All heavy atoms as atom14 arrays in JSON, in Angstrom:
{
  "sequence": "KFTNGPCLAKTSDVQQYSETHARLRALALAPNQSRHLITDAIK",
  "atom14_mask": [
    [1, 1, 1, 1, 1, 1, 1, 1, 1, 0, 0, 0, 0, 0],
    [1, 1, 1, 1, 1, 1, 1, 1, 1, 1, 1, 0, 0, 0],
    [1, 1, 1, 1, 1, 1, 1, 0, 0, 0, 0, 0, 0, 0],
    [1, 1, 1, 1, 1, 1, 1, 1, 0, 0, 0, 0, 0, 0],
    [1, 1, 1, 1, 0, 0, 0, 0, 0, 0, 0, 0, 0, 0],
    [1, 1, 1, 1, 1, 1, 1, 0, 0, 0, 0, 0, 0, 0],
    [1, 1, 1, 1, 1, 1, 0, 0, 0, 0, 0, 0, 0, 0],
    [1, 1, 1, 1, 1, 1, 1, 1, 0, 0, 0, 0, 0, 0],
    [1, 1, 1, 1, 1, 0, 0, 0, 0, 0, 0, 0, 0, 0],
    [1, 1, 1, 1, 1, 1, 1, 1, 1, 0, 0, 0, 0, 0],
    [1, 1, 1, 1, 1, 1, 1, 0, 0, 0, 0, 0, 0, 0],
    [1, 1, 1, 1, 1, 1, 0, 0, 0, 0, 0, 0, 0, 0],
    [1, 1, 1, 1, 1, 1, 1, 1, 0, 0, 0, 0, 0, 0],
    [1, 1, 1, 1, 1, 1, 1, 0, 0, 0, 0, 0, 0, 0],
    [1, 1, 1, 1, 1, 1, 1, 1, 1, 0, 0, 0, 0, 0],
    [1, 1, 1, 1, 1, 1, 1, 1, 1, 0, 0, 0, 0, 0],
    [1, 1, 1, 1, 1, 1, 1, 1, 1, 1, 1, 1, 0, 0],
    [1, 1, 1, 1, 1, 1, 0, 0, 0, 0, 0, 0, 0, 0],
    [1, 1, 1, 1, 1, 1, 1, 1, 1, 0, 0, 0, 0, 0],
    [1, 1, 1, 1, 1, 1, 1, 0, 0, 0, 0, 0, 0, 0],
    [1, 1, 1, 1, 1, 1, 1, 1, 1, 1, 0, 0, 0, 0],
    [1, 1, 1, 1, 1, 0, 0, 0, 0, 0, 0, 0, 0, 0],
    [1, 1, 1, 1, 1, 1, 1, 1, 1, 1, 1, 0, 0, 0],
    [1, 1, 1, 1, 1, 1, 1, 1, 0, 0, 0, 0, 0, 0],
    [1, 1, 1, 1, 1, 1, 1, 1, 1, 1, 1, 0, 0, 0],
    [1, 1, 1, 1, 1, 0, 0, 0, 0, 0, 0, 0, 0, 0],
    [1, 1, 1, 1, 1, 1, 1, 1, 0, 0, 0, 0, 0, 0],
    [1, 1, 1, 1, 1, 0, 0, 0, 0, 0, 0, 0, 0, 0],
    [1, 1, 1, 1, 1, 1, 1, 1, 0, 0, 0, 0, 0, 0],
    [1, 1, 1, 1, 1, 0, 0, 0, 0, 0, 0, 0, 0, 0],
    [1, 1, 1, 1, 1, 1, 1, 0, 0, 0, 0, 0, 0, 0],
    [1, 1, 1, 1, 1, 1, 1, 1, 0, 0, 0, 0, 0, 0],
    [1, 1, 1, 1, 1, 1, 1, 1, 1, 0, 0, 0, 0, 0],
    [1, 1, 1, 1, 1, 1, 0, 0, 0, 0, 0, 0, 0, 0],
    [1, 1, 1, 1, 1, 1, 1, 1, 1, 1, 1, 0, 0, 0],
    [1, 1, 1, 1, 1, 1, 1, 1, 1, 1, 0, 0, 0, 0],
    [1, 1, 1, 1, 1, 1, 1, 1, 0, 0, 0, 0, 0, 0],
    [1, 1, 1, 1, 1, 1, 1, 1, 0, 0, 0, 0, 0, 0],
    [1, 1, 1, 1, 1, 1, 1, 0, 0, 0, 0, 0, 0, 0],
    [1, 1, 1, 1, 1, 1, 1, 1, 0, 0, 0, 0, 0, 0],
    [1, 1, 1, 1, 1, 0, 0, 0, 0, 0, 0, 0, 0, 0],
    [1, 1, 1, 1, 1, 1, 1, 1, 0, 0, 0, 0, 0, 0],
    [1, 1, 1, 1, 1, 1, 1, 1, 1, 0, 0, 0, 0, 0]
  ],
  "atom14_positions": [
    [[-13.31, -1.01, -5.66], [-14.43, -0.08, -5.71], [-15.62, -0.69, -4.97], [-15.64, -1.86, -4.64], [-14.82, 0.23, -7.17], [-13.7, 0.83, -7.99], [-13.37, 2.21, -7.5], [-12.27, 2.83, -8.34], [-11.83, 4.08, -7.87], [0.0, 0.0, 0.0], [0.0, 0.0, 0.0], [0.0, 0.0, 0.0], [0.0, 0.0, 0.0], [0.0, 0.0, 0.0]],
    [[-16.63, 0.14, -4.78], [-17.81, -0.29, -4.02], [-18.6, -1.38, -4.74], [-19.02, -2.36, -4.13], [-18.71, 0.92, -3.74], [-19.89, 0.61, -2.87], [-19.73, 0.27, -1.54], [-21.17, 0.65, -3.39], [-20.81, -0.02, -0.73], [-22.25, 0.36, -2.59], [-22.08, 0.03, -1.27], [0.0, 0.0, 0.0], [0.0, 0.0, 0.0], [0.0, 0.0, 0.0]],
    [[-18.81, -1.24, -6.04], [-19.66, -2.19, -6.76], [-18.91, -3.08, -7.74], [-19.46, -4.06, -8.23], [-20.77, -1.46, -7.54], [-20.15, -0.55, -8.46], [-21.7, -0.73, -6.6], [0.0, 0.0, 0.0], [0.0, 0.0, 0.0], [0.0, 0.0, 0.0], [0.0, 0.0, 0.0], [0.0, 0.0, 0.0], [0.0, 0.0, 0.0], [0.0, 0.0, 0.0]],
    [[-17.68, -2.74, -8.08], [-16.92, -3.56, -9.01], [-15.44, -3.34, -8.77], [-15.06, -2.49, -7.99], [-17.29, -3.24, -10.47], [-16.99, -1.79, -10.83], [-16.26, -1.1, -10.15], [-17.55, -1.34, -11.94], [0.0, 0.0, 0.0], [0.0, 0.0, 0.0], [0.0, 0.0, 0.0], [0.0, 0.0, 0.0], [0.0, 0.0, 0.0], [0.0, 0.0, 0.0]],
    [[-14.64, -4.09, -9.44], [-13.2, -3.95, -9.27], [-12.5, -3.99, -10.6], [-12.07, -5.04, -11.05], [0.0, 0.0, 0.0], [0.0, 0.0, 0.0], [0.0, 0.0, 0.0], [0.0, 0.0, 0.0], [0.0, 0.0, 0.0], [0.0, 0.0, 0.0], [0.0, 0.0, 0.0], [0.0, 0.0, 0.0], [0.0, 0.0, 0.0], [0.0, 0.0, 0.0]],
    [[-12.4, -2.84, -11.27], [-11.75, -2.84, -12.58], [-10.25, -3.1, -12.48], [-9.61, -2.81, -11.47], [-12.01, -1.42, -13.1], [-12.23, -0.59, -11.88], [-12.84, -1.51, -10.86], [0.0, 0.0, 0.0], [0.0, 0.0, 0.0], [0.0, 0.0, 0.0], [0.0, 0.0, 0.0], [0.0, 0.0, 0.0], [0.0, 0.0, 0.0], [0.0, 0.0, 0.0]],
    [[-9.71, -3.67, -13.55], [-8.27, -3.9, -13.67], [-7.71, -2.98, -14.73], [-8.32, -2.79, -15.78], [-7.98, -5.35, -14.05], [-8.16, -6.5, -12.7], [0.0, 0.0, 0.0], [0.0, 0.0, 0.0], [0.0, 0.0, 0.0], [0.0, 0.0, 0.0], [0.0, 0.0, 0.0], [0.0, 0.0, 0.0], [0.0, 0.0, 0.0], [0.0, 0.0, 0.0]],
    [[-6.57, -2.4, -14.45], [-5.88, -1.54, -15.4], [-4.64, -2.27, -15.88], [-3.87, -2.78, -15.08], [-5.47, -0.23, -14.74], [-6.56, 0.58, -14.03], [-5.96, 1.8, -13.34], [-7.64, 0.98, -15.01], [0.0, 0.0, 0.0], [0.0, 0.0, 0.0], [0.0, 0.0, 0.0], [0.0, 0.0, 0.0], [0.0, 0.0, 0.0], [0.0, 0.0, 0.0]],
    [[-4.47, -2.33, -17.2], [-3.32, -3.03, -17.75], [-2.41, -2.12, -18.56], [-1.32, -2.53, -18.96], [-3.79, -4.2, -18.62], [0.0, 0.0, 0.0], [0.0, 0.0, 0.0], [0.0, 0.0, 0.0], [0.0, 0.0, 0.0], [0.0, 0.0, 0.0], [0.0, 0.0, 0.0], [0.0, 0.0, 0.0], [0.0, 0.0, 0.0], [0.0, 0.0, 0.0]],
    [[-2.84, -0.89, -18.8], [-2.04, 0.05, -19.57], [-0.74, 0.32, -18.82], [-0.75, 0.61, -17.62], [-2.83, 1.34, -19.77], [-2.27, 2.28, -20.77], [-3.3, 3.39, -21.05], [-2.63, 4.72, -21.07], [-3.6, 5.81, -21.27], [0.0, 0.0, 0.0], [0.0, 0.0, 0.0], [0.0, 0.0, 0.0], [0.0, 0.0, 0.0], [0.0, 0.0, 0.0]],
    [[0.37, 0.23, -19.51], [1.69, 0.34, -18.89], [1.84, 1.63, -18.08], [2.37, 1.6, -16.96], [2.8, 0.25, -19.96], [2.65, -0.98, -20.66], [4.17, 0.33, -19.35], [0.0, 0.0, 0.0], [0.0, 0.0, 0.0], [0.0, 0.0, 0.0], [0.0, 0.0, 0.0], [0.0, 0.0, 0.0], [0.0, 0.0, 0.0], [0.0, 0.0, 0.0]],
    [[1.36, 2.74, -18.6], [1.51, 4.01, -17.88], [0.69, 4.02, -16.59], [1.12, 4.59, -15.58], [1.13, 5.19, -18.77], [-0.22, 5.09, -19.2], [0.0, 0.0, 0.0], [0.0, 0.0, 0.0], [0.0, 0.0, 0.0], [0.0, 0.0, 0.0], [0.0, 0.0, 0.0], [0.0, 0.0, 0.0], [0.0, 0.0, 0.0], [0.0, 0.0, 0.0]],
    [[-0.49, 3.38, -16.6], [-1.3, 3.3, -15.38], [-0.61, 2.43, -14.34], [-0.53, 2.8, -13.16], [-2.68, 2.7, -15.69], [-3.57, 3.62, -16.51], [-3.36, 4.85, -16.47], [-4.49, 3.09, -17.18], [0.0, 0.0, 0.0], [0.0, 0.0, 0.0], [0.0, 0.0, 0.0], [0.0, 0.0, 0.0], [0.0, 0.0, 0.0], [0.0, 0.0, 0.0]],
    [[-0.11, 1.28, -14.76], [0.58, 0.37, -13.85], [1.8, 1.06, -13.26], [2.06, 0.98, -12.05], [0.96, -0.95, -14.55], [1.85, -1.82, -13.65], [-0.28, -1.72, -14.99], [0.0, 0.0, 0.0], [0.0, 0.0, 0.0], [0.0, 0.0, 0.0], [0.0, 0.0, 0.0], [0.0, 0.0, 0.0], [0.0, 0.0, 0.0], [0.0, 0.0, 0.0]],
    [[2.53, 1.79, -14.08], [3.72, 2.52, -13.61], [3.34, 3.55, -12.55], [4.0, 3.68, -11.52], [4.45, 3.19, -14.78], [5.69, 3.93, -14.37], [6.78, 3.03, -13.8], [6.91, 1.87, -14.21], [7.54, 3.52, -12.85], [0.0, 0.0, 0.0], [0.0, 0.0, 0.0], [0.0, 0.0, 0.0], [0.0, 0.0, 0.0], [0.0, 0.0, 0.0]],
    [[2.26, 4.29, -12.81], [1.83, 5.32, -11.86], [1.46, 4.7, -10.51], [1.85, 5.19, -9.45], [0.65, 6.1, -12.42], [0.21, 7.23, -11.52], [-0.92, 8.06, -12.15], [-1.42, 7.76, -13.21], [-1.31, 9.11, -11.45], [0.0, 0.0, 0.0], [0.0, 0.0, 0.0], [0.0, 0.0, 0.0], [0.0, 0.0, 0.0], [0.0, 0.0, 0.0]],
    [[0.71, 3.6, -10.52], [0.33, 2.95, -9.27], [1.53, 2.3, -8.58], [1.62, 2.29, -7.36], [-0.8, 1.93, -9.5], [-2.15, 2.58, -9.58], [-2.7, 2.97, -10.8], [-2.88, 2.85, -8.42], [-3.95, 3.57, -10.87], [-4.13, 3.46, -8.47], [-4.65, 3.82, -9.7], [-5.87, 4.42, -9.75], [0.0, 0.0, 0.0], [0.0, 0.0, 0.0]],
    [[2.46, 1.77, -9.37], [3.68, 1.19, -8.78], [4.48, 2.28, -8.07], [5.01, 2.05, -6.97], [4.52, 0.52, -9.85], [3.85, -0.61, -10.36], [0.0, 0.0, 0.0], [0.0, 0.0, 0.0], [0.0, 0.0, 0.0], [0.0, 0.0, 0.0], [0.0, 0.0, 0.0], [0.0, 0.0, 0.0], [0.0, 0.0, 0.0], [0.0, 0.0, 0.0]],
    [[4.57, 3.45, -8.68], [5.28, 4.56, -8.05], [4.55, 5.04, -6.79], [5.2, 5.38, -5.78], [5.43, 5.72, -9.05], [6.41, 5.41, -10.15], [6.42, 6.44, -11.27], [5.7, 7.47, -11.16], [7.14, 6.21, -12.27], [0.0, 0.0, 0.0], [0.0, 0.0, 0.0], [0.0, 0.0, 0.0], [0.0, 0.0, 0.0], [0.0, 0.0, 0.0]],
    [[3.23, 5.04, -6.84], [2.45, 5.42, -5.65], [2.68, 4.42, -4.53], [2.87, 4.81, -3.37], [0.95, 5.51, -6.0], [0.77, 6.53, -6.99], [0.11, 5.83, -4.77], [0.0, 0.0, 0.0], [0.0, 0.0, 0.0], [0.0, 0.0, 0.0], [0.0, 0.0, 0.0], [0.0, 0.0, 0.0], [0.0, 0.0, 0.0], [0.0, 0.0, 0.0]],
    [[2.71, 3.14, -4.86], [2.97, 2.11, -3.84], [4.36, 2.31, -3.24], [4.53, 2.2, -2.02], [2.84, 0.71, -4.44], [2.94, -0.38, -3.44], [3.99, -1.26, -3.4], [2.13, -0.73, -2.4], [3.83, -2.11, -2.39], [2.72, -1.81, -1.77], [0.0, 0.0, 0.0], [0.0, 0.0, 0.0], [0.0, 0.0, 0.0], [0.0, 0.0, 0.0]],
    [[5.32, 2.66, -4.05], [6.68, 2.91, -3.55], [6.69, 4.12, -2.61], [7.37, 4.1, -1.57], [7.65, 3.12, -4.71], [0.0, 0.0, 0.0], [0.0, 0.0, 0.0], [0.0, 0.0, 0.0], [0.0, 0.0, 0.0], [0.0, 0.0, 0.0], [0.0, 0.0, 0.0], [0.0, 0.0, 0.0], [0.0, 0.0, 0.0], [0.0, 0.0, 0.0]],
    [[5.94, 5.17, -2.95], [5.87, 6.34, -2.06], [5.21, 5.97, -0.74], [5.64, 6.42, 0.33], [5.11, 7.49, -2.74], [5.91, 8.16, -3.83], [5.35, 9.51, -4.25], [3.97, 9.52, -4.69], [3.54, 9.27, -5.92], [4.41, 8.97, -6.86], [2.26, 9.33, -6.21], [0.0, 0.0, 0.0], [0.0, 0.0, 0.0], [0.0, 0.0, 0.0]],
    [[4.16, 5.16, -0.79], [3.49, 4.74, 0.44], [4.44, 3.91, 1.31], [4.48, 4.08, 2.53], [2.22, 3.94, 0.11], [1.11, 4.74, -0.55], [-0.02, 3.81, -1.01], [0.57, 5.8, 0.4], [0.0, 0.0, 0.0], [0.0, 0.0, 0.0], [0.0, 0.0, 0.0], [0.0, 0.0, 0.0], [0.0, 0.0, 0.0], [0.0, 0.0, 0.0]],
    [[5.2, 3.01, 0.69], [6.17, 2.21, 1.44], [7.2, 3.1, 2.1], [7.63, 2.84, 3.22], [6.85, 1.18, 0.53], [5.92, 0.08, 0.09], [6.62, -1.04, -0.67], [7.91, -0.73, -1.21], [8.21, -0.8, -2.52], [7.3, -1.14, -3.4], [9.43, -0.54, -2.92], [0.0, 0.0, 0.0], [0.0, 0.0, 0.0], [0.0, 0.0, 0.0]],
    [[7.62, 4.16, 1.41], [8.62, 5.08, 1.97], [8.06, 5.83, 3.17], [8.81, 6.16, 4.1], [9.09, 6.06, 0.89], [0.0, 0.0, 0.0], [0.0, 0.0, 0.0], [0.0, 0.0, 0.0], [0.0, 0.0, 0.0], [0.0, 0.0, 0.0], [0.0, 0.0, 0.0], [0.0, 0.0, 0.0], [0.0, 0.0, 0.0], [0.0, 0.0, 0.0]],
    [[6.76, 6.11, 3.18], [6.13, 6.81, 4.3], [5.78, 5.89, 5.47], [5.62, 6.34, 6.6], [4.84, 7.5, 3.83], [5.0, 8.66, 2.86], [3.64, 9.06, 2.29], [5.65, 9.85, 3.57], [0.0, 0.0, 0.0], [0.0, 0.0, 0.0], [0.0, 0.0, 0.0], [0.0, 0.0, 0.0], [0.0, 0.0, 0.0], [0.0, 0.0, 0.0]],
    [[5.66, 4.61, 5.18], [5.22, 3.64, 6.19], [6.34, 3.29, 7.16], [7.53, 3.48, 6.88], [4.71, 2.37, 5.5], [0.0, 0.0, 0.0], [0.0, 0.0, 0.0], [0.0, 0.0, 0.0], [0.0, 0.0, 0.0], [0.0, 0.0, 0.0], [0.0, 0.0, 0.0], [0.0, 0.0, 0.0], [0.0, 0.0, 0.0], [0.0, 0.0, 0.0]],
    [[5.92, 2.77, 8.3], [6.88, 2.25, 9.27], [7.53, 0.99, 8.72], [6.92, 0.25, 7.95], [6.16, 1.92, 10.58], [5.47, 3.08, 11.3], [4.66, 2.55, 12.48], [6.48, 4.12, 11.75], [0.0, 0.0, 0.0], [0.0, 0.0, 0.0], [0.0, 0.0, 0.0], [0.0, 0.0, 0.0], [0.0, 0.0, 0.0], [0.0, 0.0, 0.0]],
    [[8.74, 0.72, 9.14], [9.42, -0.52, 8.77], [8.62, -1.71, 9.31], [7.84, -1.56, 10.25], [10.83, -0.52, 9.33], [0.0, 0.0, 0.0], [0.0, 0.0, 0.0], [0.0, 0.0, 0.0], [0.0, 0.0, 0.0], [0.0, 0.0, 0.0], [0.0, 0.0, 0.0], [0.0, 0.0, 0.0], [0.0, 0.0, 0.0], [0.0, 0.0, 0.0]],
    [[8.82, -2.9, 8.74], [8.05, -4.06, 9.2], [8.1, -4.3, 10.71], [7.08, -4.58, 11.33], [8.67, -5.22, 8.41], [9.11, -4.59, 7.14], [9.63, -3.23, 7.56], [0.0, 0.0, 0.0], [0.0, 0.0, 0.0], [0.0, 0.0, 0.0], [0.0, 0.0, 0.0], [0.0, 0.0, 0.0], [0.0, 0.0, 0.0], [0.0, 0.0, 0.0]],
    [[9.29, -4.19, 11.33], [9.38, -4.41, 12.79], [8.61, -3.35, 13.56], [7.91, -3.66, 14.53], [10.84, -4.42, 13.25], [11.48, -5.77, 13.1], [10.8, -6.77, 12.9], [12.79, -5.81, 13.17], [0.0, 0.0, 0.0], [0.0, 0.0, 0.0], [0.0, 0.0, 0.0], [0.0, 0.0, 0.0], [0.0, 0.0, 0.0], [0.0, 0.0, 0.0]],
    [[8.73, -2.1, 13.15], [7.98, -1.02, 13.8], [6.48, -1.22, 13.59], [5.68, -0.95, 14.49], [8.4, 0.34, 13.24], [9.82, 0.73, 13.55], [10.21, 1.98, 12.78], [10.08, 2.05, 11.57], [10.69, 2.97, 13.52], [0.0, 0.0, 0.0], [0.0, 0.0, 0.0], [0.0, 0.0, 0.0], [0.0, 0.0, 0.0], [0.0, 0.0, 0.0]],
    [[6.11, -1.68, 12.41], [4.69, -1.94, 12.13], [4.15, -3.03, 13.04], [3.04, -2.93, 13.56], [4.51, -2.33, 10.65], [4.83, -1.23, 9.81], [0.0, 0.0, 0.0], [0.0, 0.0, 0.0], [0.0, 0.0, 0.0], [0.0, 0.0, 0.0], [0.0, 0.0, 0.0], [0.0, 0.0, 0.0], [0.0, 0.0, 0.0], [0.0, 0.0, 0.0]],
    [[4.95, -4.1, 13.25], [4.52, -5.17, 14.16], [4.32, -4.64, 15.57], [3.39, -5.03, 16.27], [5.52, -6.32, 14.14], [5.21, -7.36, 13.09], [6.02, -8.64, 13.28], [7.43, -8.45, 12.99], [7.94, -8.43, 11.77], [7.18, -8.56, 10.72], [9.24, -8.27, 11.6], [0.0, 0.0, 0.0], [0.0, 0.0, 0.0], [0.0, 0.0, 0.0]],
    [[5.19, -3.72, 16.0], [5.04, -3.13, 17.34], [3.74, -2.33, 17.42], [3.04, -2.39, 18.44], [6.23, -2.23, 17.68], [7.5, -2.98, 17.96], [7.6, -3.94, 18.94], [8.71, -2.91, 17.36], [8.82, -4.43, 18.94], [9.51, -3.83, 17.99], [0.0, 0.0, 0.0], [0.0, 0.0, 0.0], [0.0, 0.0, 0.0], [0.0, 0.0, 0.0]],
    [[3.41, -1.6, 16.37], [2.16, -0.84, 16.36], [0.96, -1.78, 16.37], [-0.02, -1.52, 17.07], [2.12, 0.08, 15.14], [1.02, 1.14, 15.13], [1.11, 2.06, 16.34], [1.11, 1.95, 13.84], [0.0, 0.0, 0.0], [0.0, 0.0, 0.0], [0.0, 0.0, 0.0], [0.0, 0.0, 0.0], [0.0, 0.0, 0.0], [0.0, 0.0, 0.0]],
    [[1.05, -2.87, 15.64], [-0.03, -3.87, 15.65], [-0.17, -4.47, 17.04], [-1.28, -4.65, 17.55], [0.22, -4.96, 14.58], [0.14, -4.35, 13.17], [-0.77, -6.12, 14.73], [0.67, -5.25, 12.07], [0.0, 0.0, 0.0], [0.0, 0.0, 0.0], [0.0, 0.0, 0.0], [0.0, 0.0, 0.0], [0.0, 0.0, 0.0], [0.0, 0.0, 0.0]],
    [[0.96, -4.77, 17.69], [0.94, -5.29, 19.06], [0.27, -4.31, 20.02], [-0.52, -4.71, 20.87], [2.37, -5.62, 19.54], [2.92, -6.62, 18.67], [2.38, -6.13, 20.96], [0.0, 0.0, 0.0], [0.0, 0.0, 0.0], [0.0, 0.0, 0.0], [0.0, 0.0, 0.0], [0.0, 0.0, 0.0], [0.0, 0.0, 0.0], [0.0, 0.0, 0.0]],
    [[0.59, -3.02, 19.89], [-0.05, -2.0, 20.73], [-1.55, -1.98, 20.51], [-2.32, -1.85, 21.47], [0.53, -0.62, 20.44], [1.95, -0.46, 20.97], [2.38, -1.29, 21.8], [2.63, 0.49, 20.53], [0.0, 0.0, 0.0], [0.0, 0.0, 0.0], [0.0, 0.0, 0.0], [0.0, 0.0, 0.0], [0.0, 0.0, 0.0], [0.0, 0.0, 0.0]],
    [[-1.98, -2.11, 19.26], [-3.41, -2.13, 18.97], [-4.07, -3.37, 19.58], [-5.18, -3.29, 20.12], [-3.65, -2.07, 17.46], [0.0, 0.0, 0.0], [0.0, 0.0, 0.0], [0.0, 0.0, 0.0], [0.0, 0.0, 0.0], [0.0, 0.0, 0.0], [0.0, 0.0, 0.0], [0.0, 0.0, 0.0], [0.0, 0.0, 0.0], [0.0, 0.0, 0.0]],
    [[-3.39, -4.5, 19.52], [-3.92, -5.73, 20.13], [-4.13, -5.52, 21.62], [-5.16, -5.92, 22.17], [-2.98, -6.93, 19.86], [-3.01, -7.31, 18.37], [-3.36, -8.12, 20.74], [-1.92, -8.28, 17.97], [0.0, 0.0, 0.0], [0.0, 0.0, 0.0], [0.0, 0.0, 0.0], [0.0, 0.0, 0.0], [0.0, 0.0, 0.0], [0.0, 0.0, 0.0]],
    [[-3.17, -4.89, 22.29], [-3.29, -4.63, 23.72], [-4.51, -3.77, 24.0], [-5.21, -3.99, 24.99], [-2.03, -3.94, 24.25], [-0.82, -4.84, 24.28], [0.42, -4.06, 24.7], [1.67, -4.92, 24.57], [2.88, -4.14, 24.85], [0.0, 0.0, 0.0], [0.0, 0.0, 0.0], [0.0, 0.0, 0.0], [0.0, 0.0, 0.0], [0.0, 0.0, 0.0]]
  ]
}
């Protein structure tokens, strides 16, 4: 957050964020493809 960084420890909250992270990983490029995109940005 902008002014602080709260931590959530409730199991249901952690589960929801873990599932969100998994969805983001599924949408993201694979590591090799990601490195290629980073290389293009460097160029």
